[in-house]
Amino acid sequence: MLELGVKMLLAYLLGSVMGALVVGQARGVDIRELGSGNAGGTNALRTQGFAFAFGVVVIDVGKALLAVGVLPGLAIPGIGHDPVVARDWLVVACAAAVVAGHVWPIYYEFRGGKGAATLIGALAILTPIAMLPALAAWLVVVLLSGYVGLATMTAAVALPLAIVLMEQPLPVPLVAYTLAMTALIVWTHRANIARMRAGNEHRVRRLWLLRPRDGGR
């Protein structure tokens, strides 16, 4: 169990490296004080532009690729590989820890992002095939509604469903992970849900096909 605990801790610390705040420090801005206040790629794009947002996404996806693709198999001196810990559960535990680090980063007073980009990086290693229907669901919802938050939540819900339908035998650790991440993504988007209910949520007008002729909100 020592290997599990150490690698989850390392994944969490890696996840706590926030792309928006690292790039923001280089630019002299705190993204959490701008726009929606979220330290994520969407708010970075909206308030700082494409180049800033691209750097954010590279860091937030990249740290998940390392935490899920490299860390579980890494030989740590003095730790070794624990035969009691199943490798598939170790991988999803590291995947959960890196997303948790992004949402609650220890380096930044536990004020992080919503976890979507980091989750994408983790899924690119865990189940790239299930990402396709999830991305399709995201695109359809954005095109029909203009709401990025709603599209992200819909894609998260689609993930475990896609895994159940597309992957046999059923990968129980992966299903458990995606169900937990779906709940987390919905929770981190609770402010978006409140703004949608109030009618003042921002829409991506360039992608919103069904917008009113006056451009909508």
Protein backbone atom coordinates (compact mmCIF):
# COMPACT_ATOMS: atom_id res chain seq x y z
CA MET A 1 0.00 0.00 0.00
CA LEU A 2 3.02 2.28 0.36
CA GLU A 3 3.44 2.41 -3.42
CA LEU A 4 -0.21 3.37 -3.84
CA GLY A 5 -0.01 6.16 -1.27
CA VAL A 6 3.27 7.61 -2.54
CA LYS A 7 2.25 7.59 -6.19
CA MET A 8 -1.16 9.10 -5.45
CA LEU A 9 0.57 11.86 -3.48
CA LEU A 10 2.99 12.52 -6.34
CA ALA A 11 0.09 12.58 -8.82
CA TYR A 12 -1.76 15.05 -6.61
CA LEU A 13 1.31 17.32 -6.35
CA LEU A 14 1.74 17.13 -10.11
CA GLY A 15 -1.93 18.00 -10.60
CA SER A 16 -1.49 21.01 -8.32
CA VAL A 17 0.75 22.63 -10.94
CA MET A 18 -1.92 24.88 -12.46
CA GLY A 19 -1.37 25.85 -16.08
CA ALA A 20 -3.46 29.02 -15.81
CA LEU A 21 -1.55 30.20 -12.76
CA VAL A 22 1.90 29.25 -14.07
CA VAL A 23 1.31 31.08 -17.36
CA GLY A 24 -0.44 33.87 -15.47
CA GLN A 25 2.55 34.40 -13.21
CA ALA A 26 4.73 34.78 -16.28
CA ARG A 27 2.27 37.38 -17.59
CA GLY A 28 1.78 39.09 -14.24
CA VAL A 29 -1.93 38.26 -13.96
CA ASP A 30 -4.02 36.06 -11.67
CA ILE A 31 -6.63 34.38 -13.84
CA ARG A 32 -8.78 33.78 -10.76
CA GLU A 33 -9.39 37.52 -10.54
CA LEU A 34 -10.62 37.79 -14.13
CA GLY A 35 -13.75 36.72 -15.98
CA SER A 36 -15.52 33.84 -14.27
CA GLY A 37 -12.68 33.48 -11.77
CA ASN A 38 -11.96 29.92 -12.86
CA ALA A 39 -8.33 28.88 -13.32
CA GLY A 40 -9.00 26.91 -16.48
CA GLY A 41 -8.60 27.01 -20.24
CA THR A 42 -12.03 28.44 -21.09
CA ASN A 43 -11.66 31.44 -18.80
CA ALA A 44 -8.07 31.88 -19.99
CA LEU A 45 -9.20 31.96 -23.62
CA ARG A 46 -12.01 34.38 -22.88
CA THR A 47 -9.92 36.84 -20.91
CA GLN A 48 -6.34 36.43 -22.20
CA GLY A 49 -6.54 35.08 -25.72
CA PHE A 50 -5.52 31.97 -27.64
CA ALA A 51 -1.77 31.90 -26.93
CA PHE A 52 -2.33 32.13 -23.17
CA ALA A 53 -5.06 29.48 -23.25
CA PHE A 54 -2.93 27.16 -25.39
CA GLY A 55 -0.14 27.25 -22.82
CA VAL A 56 -2.66 26.53 -20.08
CA VAL A 57 -4.08 23.50 -21.87
CA VAL A 58 -0.62 22.11 -22.69
CA ILE A 59 0.33 22.16 -19.00
CA ASP A 60 -3.01 20.88 -17.69
CA VAL A 61 -3.22 18.02 -20.19
CA GLY A 62 0.49 17.27 -20.02
CA LYS A 63 0.57 16.78 -16.26
CA ALA A 64 -2.20 14.19 -16.57
CA LEU A 65 -0.30 12.36 -19.30
CA LEU A 66 2.67 12.12 -16.96
CA ALA A 67 0.62 11.15 -13.90
CA VAL A 68 -1.30 8.40 -15.70
CA GLY A 69 1.09 7.30 -18.43
CA VAL A 70 4.41 7.40 -16.57
CA LEU A 71 3.99 7.57 -12.80
CA PRO A 72 2.17 4.23 -12.16
CA GLY A 73 5.01 2.25 -13.76
CA LEU A 74 7.80 4.36 -12.32
CA ALA A 75 10.29 2.54 -10.11
CA ILE A 76 10.76 4.72 -7.02
CA PRO A 77 13.88 3.92 -4.94
CA GLY A 78 12.94 2.41 -1.60
CA ILE A 79 9.30 1.88 -2.63
CA GLY A 80 9.24 -0.83 -5.29
CA HIS A 81 6.16 -2.42 -6.83
CA ASP A 82 3.55 -3.67 -4.38
CA PRO A 83 2.10 -7.02 -5.58
CA VAL A 84 -0.98 -6.46 -3.45
CA VAL A 85 -2.01 -3.40 -5.47
CA ALA A 86 -3.63 -4.23 -8.82
CA ARG A 87 -2.04 -2.22 -11.63
CA ASP A 88 -5.36 -1.12 -13.14
CA TRP A 89 -6.54 0.28 -9.81
CA LEU A 90 -3.18 2.00 -9.28
CA VAL A 91 -3.49 3.73 -12.64
CA VAL A 92 -7.01 5.05 -12.00
CA ALA A 93 -6.00 6.10 -8.47
CA CYS A 94 -3.21 8.24 -9.95
CA ALA A 95 -5.67 9.54 -12.55
CA ALA A 96 -8.09 10.57 -9.80
CA ALA A 97 -5.32 12.17 -7.75
CA VAL A 98 -4.02 14.33 -10.60
CA VAL A 99 -7.51 15.70 -11.28
CA ALA A 100 -8.02 16.31 -7.56
CA GLY A 101 -4.76 18.25 -7.52
CA HIS A 102 -6.02 20.44 -10.35
CA VAL A 103 -9.30 21.16 -8.58
CA TRP A 104 -7.74 21.64 -5.12
CA PRO A 105 -4.09 22.66 -5.74
CA ILE A 106 -1.97 22.74 -2.61
CA TYR A 107 0.33 25.36 -4.11
CA TYR A 108 -2.49 27.84 -4.72
CA GLU A 109 -4.60 27.82 -1.56
CA PHE A 110 -6.70 24.93 -2.90
CA ARG A 111 -8.36 27.26 -5.44
CA GLY A 112 -8.04 25.51 -8.77
CA GLY A 113 -9.91 24.78 -11.96
CA LYS A 114 -12.79 22.54 -12.89
CA GLY A 115 -10.71 19.57 -13.96
CA ALA A 116 -11.88 19.12 -17.56
CA ALA A 117 -8.55 19.53 -19.39
CA THR A 118 -6.69 17.38 -16.87
CA LEU A 119 -9.39 14.72 -17.15
CA ILE A 120 -8.96 14.74 -20.93
CA GLY A 121 -5.25 14.08 -20.50
CA ALA A 122 -5.97 11.17 -18.17
CA LEU A 123 -8.57 9.69 -20.52
CA ALA A 124 -6.20 9.94 -23.48
CA ILE A 125 -4.14 7.28 -21.70
CA LEU A 126 -6.92 5.30 -20.03
CA THR A 127 -9.54 5.01 -22.77
CA PRO A 128 -8.97 7.01 -25.96
CA ILE A 129 -11.75 5.11 -27.73
CA ALA A 130 -14.40 6.28 -25.24
CA MET A 131 -13.30 9.88 -25.71
CA LEU A 132 -14.71 9.93 -29.25
CA PRO A 133 -18.43 9.71 -28.33
CA ALA A 134 -17.82 12.00 -25.36
CA LEU A 135 -16.22 14.63 -27.60
CA ALA A 136 -19.08 14.19 -30.08
CA ALA A 137 -21.58 14.83 -27.28
CA TRP A 138 -19.61 17.92 -26.23
CA LEU A 139 -19.63 19.32 -29.77
CA VAL A 140 -23.34 18.69 -30.33
CA VAL A 141 -24.33 20.41 -27.08
CA VAL A 142 -22.08 23.42 -27.79
CA LEU A 143 -23.48 23.78 -31.29
CA LEU A 144 -27.07 23.55 -30.09
CA SER A 145 -26.83 25.58 -26.88
CA GLY A 146 -23.62 27.61 -26.94
CA TYR A 147 -22.91 26.57 -23.34
CA VAL A 148 -19.40 25.16 -22.85
CA GLY A 149 -20.14 24.17 -19.24
CA LEU A 150 -23.25 22.24 -20.21
CA ALA A 151 -21.34 20.54 -23.02
CA THR A 152 -18.56 19.53 -20.63
CA MET A 153 -21.01 18.03 -18.15
CA THR A 154 -22.79 16.16 -20.95
CA ALA A 155 -19.50 14.75 -22.21
CA ALA A 156 -18.63 13.62 -18.68
CA VAL A 157 -21.95 11.79 -18.39
CA ALA A 158 -21.36 10.17 -21.79
CA LEU A 159 -17.99 8.74 -20.75
CA PRO A 160 -19.03 5.86 -18.46
CA LEU A 161 -21.90 5.04 -20.81
CA ALA A 162 -19.49 4.81 -23.75
CA ILE A 163 -17.13 2.59 -21.76
CA VAL A 164 -19.93 0.19 -20.79
CA LEU A 165 -21.08 -0.05 -24.41
CA MET A 166 -17.70 -0.16 -26.14
CA GLU A 167 -15.25 -1.98 -23.87
CA GLN A 168 -15.55 -5.69 -23.10
CA PRO A 169 -14.87 -7.28 -20.71
CA LEU A 170 -16.13 -4.48 -18.56
CA PRO A 171 -13.17 -2.57 -17.02
CA VAL A 172 -14.53 -2.07 -13.50
CA PRO A 173 -11.75 0.29 -12.30
CA LEU A 174 -12.23 2.51 -15.36
CA VAL A 175 -16.02 2.60 -14.96
CA ALA A 176 -15.64 3.49 -11.27
CA TYR A 177 -13.16 6.22 -12.17
CA THR A 178 -15.33 7.82 -14.86
CA LEU A 179 -18.42 7.71 -12.64
CA ALA A 180 -16.48 9.51 -9.89
CA MET A 181 -15.11 12.03 -12.39
CA THR A 182 -18.60 12.65 -13.79
CA ALA A 183 -19.83 13.54 -10.32
CA LEU A 184 -16.79 15.79 -9.77
CA ILE A 185 -17.20 17.60 -13.11
CA VAL A 186 -20.88 18.29 -12.41
CA TRP A 187 -19.98 19.55 -8.94
CA THR A 188 -17.22 21.86 -10.21
CA HIS A 189 -19.68 23.29 -12.73
CA ARG A 190 -22.33 24.08 -10.13
CA ALA A 191 -21.83 27.82 -10.67
CA ASN A 192 -22.43 27.32 -14.39
CA ILE A 193 -25.66 25.49 -13.58
CA ALA A 194 -26.77 28.38 -11.37
CA ARG A 195 -25.97 30.93 -14.10
CA MET A 196 -27.83 28.89 -16.73
CA ARG A 197 -30.87 28.74 -14.48
CA ALA A 198 -30.63 32.50 -13.96
CA GLY A 199 -30.26 33.08 -17.69
CA ASN A 200 -26.91 34.86 -17.55
CA GLU A 201 -24.44 32.13 -18.47
CA HIS A 202 -21.95 33.10 -21.19
CA ARG A 203 -22.42 31.42 -24.57
CA VAL A 204 -19.79 30.77 -27.22
CA ARG A 205 -21.43 32.73 -30.03
CA ARG A 206 -19.08 31.51 -32.75
CA LEU A 207 -20.10 27.89 -32.18
CA TRP A 208 -23.73 28.44 -31.19
CA LEU A 209 -25.68 27.51 -34.32
CA LEU A 210 -29.14 28.17 -32.87
CA ARG A 211 -28.42 31.67 -31.57
CA PRO A 212 -31.02 34.38 -32.20
CA ARG A 213 -30.39 36.70 -35.11
CA ASP A 214 -29.48 39.51 -32.74
CA GLY A 215 -26.63 37.35 -31.40
CA GLY A 216 -28.24 36.38 -28.07
CA ARG A 217 -26.40 36.67 -24.81
